[in-house]
Amino acid sequence: MTVNIGWIIKKVADDQNLSQSQLATLIDDVQQNVGNDYKRSTLKIDRIFQYSKALNHNFLQYYYEEEPYKTFREKENETFLREINELKNQLEEAIKTIILQKAYLETQQELVETQRALIAQLNV
């Protein structure tokens, strides 16, 4: 899959009802350069960053299926999934601990109430 980033940027700008002139102002450039970028299938990363920021759109996402970014992203996702699973396990353990502590506290409260009742009977 070949990404035609210029066309994609144009489509996003059009969807946001932004003219070339308005977009040029947002990226601090001239209208002619924006028009030229629309025609290009590749742009430098810093230029893509400018458009992403100006249009509040992640233009890098269109490269996620291209190598090596696809492999990088898959590795990142695997790392995130491992971390999520570890956090889930930690949360489950914490919940179990809280349940045990709650049961212990209830038992202790019952014991205190029983002792108070015994003390009250002894003081009668």
C-alpha atoms as a PDB file:
ATOM      1  CA  MET A   1       0.000   0.000   0.000  1.00  0.00           C
ATOM      2  CA  THR A   2       1.400   3.356  -0.995  1.00  0.00           C
ATOM      3  CA  VAL A   3       0.334   6.283   1.135  1.00  0.00           C
ATOM      4  CA  ASN A   4      -0.518   9.457  -0.768  1.00  0.00           C
ATOM      5  CA  ILE A   5      -0.200  11.772   2.192  1.00  0.00           C
ATOM      6  CA  GLY A   6      -0.832  14.983   0.247  1.00  0.00           C
ATOM      7  CA  TRP A   7      -4.218  13.755  -0.910  1.00  0.00           C
ATOM      8  CA  ILE A   8      -5.088  12.622   2.612  1.00  0.00           C
ATOM      9  CA  ILE A   9      -4.149  16.001   4.093  1.00  0.00           C
ATOM     10  CA  LYS A  10      -6.279  17.741   1.456  1.00  0.00           C
ATOM     11  CA  LYS A  11      -9.244  15.499   2.249  1.00  0.00           C
ATOM     12  CA  VAL A  12      -8.969  16.149   5.999  1.00  0.00           C
ATOM     13  CA  ALA A  13      -8.641  19.905   5.411  1.00  0.00           C
ATOM     14  CA  ASP A  14     -11.648  19.819   3.068  1.00  0.00           C
ATOM     15  CA  ASP A  15     -13.638  17.846   5.648  1.00  0.00           C
ATOM     16  CA  GLN A  16     -12.856  20.631   8.140  1.00  0.00           C
ATOM     17  CA  ASN A  17     -13.899  23.252   5.571  1.00  0.00           C
ATOM     18  CA  LEU A  18     -10.429  24.806   5.547  1.00  0.00           C
ATOM     19  CA  SER A  19      -9.150  26.494   2.430  1.00  0.00           C
ATOM     20  CA  GLN A  20      -5.528  26.249   1.323  1.00  0.00           C
ATOM     21  CA  SER A  21      -5.051  29.814   2.514  1.00  0.00           C
ATOM     22  CA  GLN A  22      -6.502  29.095   5.965  1.00  0.00           C
ATOM     23  CA  LEU A  23      -4.392  25.963   6.352  1.00  0.00           C
ATOM     24  CA  ALA A  24      -1.301  27.859   5.222  1.00  0.00           C
ATOM     25  CA  THR A  25      -1.947  30.384   7.984  1.00  0.00           C
ATOM     26  CA  LEU A  26      -2.270  27.580  10.540  1.00  0.00           C
ATOM     27  CA  ILE A  27       1.103  26.101   9.573  1.00  0.00           C
ATOM     28  CA  ASP A  28       2.746  29.493   9.067  1.00  0.00           C
ATOM     29  CA  ASP A  29       3.387  29.039   5.366  1.00  0.00           C
ATOM     30  CA  VAL A  30       1.993  30.268   2.042  1.00  0.00           C
ATOM     31  CA  GLN A  31      -1.004  28.946   0.140  1.00  0.00           C
ATOM     32  CA  GLN A  32       1.092  27.851  -2.842  1.00  0.00           C
ATOM     33  CA  ASN A  33       3.192  25.498  -0.691  1.00  0.00           C
ATOM     34  CA  VAL A  34       0.075  23.908   0.790  1.00  0.00           C
ATOM     35  CA  GLY A  35      -1.280  23.382  -2.733  1.00  0.00           C
ATOM     36  CA  ASN A  36       2.014  21.797  -3.742  1.00  0.00           C
ATOM     37  CA  ASP A  37       1.936  19.545  -0.665  1.00  0.00           C
ATOM     38  CA  TYR A  38      -1.559  18.365  -1.636  1.00  0.00           C
ATOM     39  CA  LYS A  39      -0.069  17.041  -4.883  1.00  0.00           C
ATOM     40  CA  ARG A  40       2.815  15.200  -3.221  1.00  0.00           C
ATOM     41  CA  SER A  41       2.682  11.560  -2.230  1.00  0.00           C
ATOM     42  CA  THR A  42       5.489  12.017   0.313  1.00  0.00           C
ATOM     43  CA  LEU A  43       6.372  14.752   2.788  1.00  0.00           C
ATOM     44  CA  LYS A  44       9.087  15.164   5.375  1.00  0.00           C
ATOM     45  CA  ILE A  45       8.114  14.063   8.844  1.00  0.00           C
ATOM     46  CA  ASP A  46       8.321  17.570  10.308  1.00  0.00           C
ATOM     47  CA  ARG A  47       5.894  18.766   7.632  1.00  0.00           C
ATOM     48  CA  ILE A  48       3.492  15.940   8.426  1.00  0.00           C
ATOM     49  CA  PHE A  49       3.794  16.939  12.081  1.00  0.00           C
ATOM     50  CA  GLN A  50       2.806  20.523  11.197  1.00  0.00           C
ATOM     51  CA  TYR A  51      -0.293  19.319   9.382  1.00  0.00           C
ATOM     52  CA  SER A  52      -1.160  16.900  12.190  1.00  0.00           C
ATOM     53  CA  LYS A  53      -0.969  19.690  14.728  1.00  0.00           C
ATOM     54  CA  ALA A  54      -2.855  22.221  12.604  1.00  0.00           C
ATOM     55  CA  LEU A  55      -5.645  19.814  11.661  1.00  0.00           C
ATOM     56  CA  ASN A  56      -5.684  17.899  14.946  1.00  0.00           C
ATOM     57  CA  HIS A  57      -5.321  14.670  13.000  1.00  0.00           C
ATOM     58  CA  ASN A  58      -2.796  11.845  13.240  1.00  0.00           C
ATOM     59  CA  PHE A  59      -1.415  11.626   9.719  1.00  0.00           C
ATOM     60  CA  LEU A  60       1.190   9.106  10.802  1.00  0.00           C
ATOM     61  CA  GLN A  61      -1.537   6.515  11.268  1.00  0.00           C
ATOM     62  CA  TYR A  62      -1.606   5.989   7.514  1.00  0.00           C
ATOM     63  CA  TYR A  63       1.893   4.552   7.721  1.00  0.00           C
ATOM     64  CA  TYR A  64       1.116   2.031  10.467  1.00  0.00           C
ATOM     65  CA  GLU A  65       0.613  -0.772   7.952  1.00  0.00           C
ATOM     66  CA  GLU A  66       3.903   0.022   6.197  1.00  0.00           C
ATOM     67  CA  GLU A  67       7.138  -1.646   7.269  1.00  0.00           C
ATOM     68  CA  PRO A  68       8.987  -1.083   9.511  1.00  0.00           C
ATOM     69  CA  TYR A  69       6.238   0.853  11.310  1.00  0.00           C
ATOM     70  CA  LYS A  70       3.875  -2.116  11.237  1.00  0.00           C
ATOM     71  CA  THR A  71       6.380  -4.278  13.110  1.00  0.00           C
ATOM     72  CA  PHE A  72       7.249  -1.458  15.519  1.00  0.00           C
ATOM     73  CA  ARG A  73       3.581  -0.896  16.286  1.00  0.00           C
ATOM     74  CA  GLU A  74       2.924  -4.612  16.780  1.00  0.00           C
ATOM     75  CA  LYS A  75       5.808  -4.799  19.259  1.00  0.00           C
ATOM     76  CA  GLU A  76       4.509  -1.725  21.085  1.00  0.00           C
ATOM     77  CA  ASN A  77       1.032  -3.251  21.239  1.00  0.00           C
ATOM     78  CA  GLU A  78       2.432  -6.528  22.582  1.00  0.00           C
ATOM     79  CA  THR A  79       4.298  -4.579  25.266  1.00  0.00           C
ATOM     80  CA  PHE A  80       1.153  -2.619  26.160  1.00  0.00           C
ATOM     81  CA  LEU A  81      -0.909  -5.809  26.366  1.00  0.00           C
ATOM     82  CA  ARG A  82       1.656  -7.437  28.676  1.00  0.00           C
ATOM     83  CA  GLU A  83       1.638  -4.334  30.879  1.00  0.00           C
ATOM     84  CA  ILE A  84      -2.165  -4.247  30.910  1.00  0.00           C
ATOM     85  CA  ASN A  85      -2.337  -7.918  31.883  1.00  0.00           C
ATOM     86  CA  GLU A  86       0.219  -7.377  34.653  1.00  0.00           C
ATOM     87  CA  LEU A  87      -1.805  -4.431  35.953  1.00  0.00           C
ATOM     88  CA  LYS A  88      -4.990  -6.524  35.814  1.00  0.00           C
ATOM     89  CA  ASN A  89      -3.277  -9.227  37.864  1.00  0.00           C
ATOM     90  CA  GLN A  90      -2.063  -6.655  40.384  1.00  0.00           C
ATOM     91  CA  LEU A  91      -5.571  -5.200  40.605  1.00  0.00           C
ATOM     92  CA  GLU A  92      -7.099  -8.652  41.179  1.00  0.00           C
ATOM     93  CA  GLU A  93      -4.573  -9.305  43.965  1.00  0.00           C
ATOM     94  CA  ALA A  94      -5.318  -5.922  45.518  1.00  0.00           C
ATOM     95  CA  ILE A  95      -9.049  -6.637  45.410  1.00  0.00           C
ATOM     96  CA  LYS A  96      -8.501 -10.023  47.091  1.00  0.00           C
ATOM     97  CA  THR A  97      -6.387  -8.323  49.775  1.00  0.00           C
ATOM     98  CA  ILE A  98      -9.065  -5.697  50.370  1.00  0.00           C
ATOM     99  CA  ILE A  99     -11.756  -8.371  50.670  1.00  0.00           C
ATOM    100  CA  LEU A 100      -9.653 -10.294  53.211  1.00  0.00           C
ATOM    101  CA  GLN A 101      -8.888  -7.112  55.158  1.00  0.00           C
ATOM    102  CA  LYS A 102     -12.571  -6.182  55.178  1.00  0.00           C
ATOM    103  CA  ALA A 103     -13.488  -9.626  56.528  1.00  0.00           C
ATOM    104  CA  TYR A 104     -10.741  -9.320  59.162  1.00  0.00           C
ATOM    105  CA  LEU A 105     -12.024  -5.884  60.215  1.00  0.00           C
ATOM    106  CA  GLU A 106     -15.592  -7.189  60.479  1.00  0.00           C
ATOM    107  CA  THR A 107     -14.365 -10.045  62.669  1.00  0.00           C
ATOM    108  CA  GLN A 108     -12.412  -7.605  64.825  1.00  0.00           C
ATOM    109  CA  GLN A 109     -15.473  -5.359  65.139  1.00  0.00           C
ATOM    110  CA  GLU A 110     -17.569  -8.329  66.244  1.00  0.00           C
ATOM    111  CA  LEU A 111     -14.901  -9.235  68.784  1.00  0.00           C
ATOM    112  CA  VAL A 112     -14.845  -5.685  70.156  1.00  0.00           C
ATOM    113  CA  GLU A 113     -18.643  -5.637  70.392  1.00  0.00           C
ATOM    114  CA  THR A 114     -18.596  -8.979  72.222  1.00  0.00           C
ATOM    115  CA  GLN A 115     -15.940  -7.711  74.634  1.00  0.00           C
ATOM    116  CA  ARG A 116     -17.925  -4.537  75.278  1.00  0.00           C
ATOM    117  CA  ALA A 117     -21.002  -6.614  76.018  1.00  0.00           C
ATOM    118  CA  LEU A 118     -19.015  -8.793  78.439  1.00  0.00           C
ATOM    119  CA  ILE A 119     -17.534  -5.729  80.150  1.00  0.00           C
ATOM    120  CA  ALA A 120     -21.005  -4.219  80.426  1.00  0.00           C
ATOM    121  CA  GLN A 121     -22.278  -7.420  82.052  1.00  0.00           C
ATOM    122  CA  LEU A 122     -19.332  -7.469  84.479  1.00  0.00           C
ATOM    123  CA  ASN A 123     -20.030  -3.866  85.486  1.00  0.00           C
ATOM    124  CA  VAL A 124     -23.646  -4.618  86.327  1.00  0.00           C
END
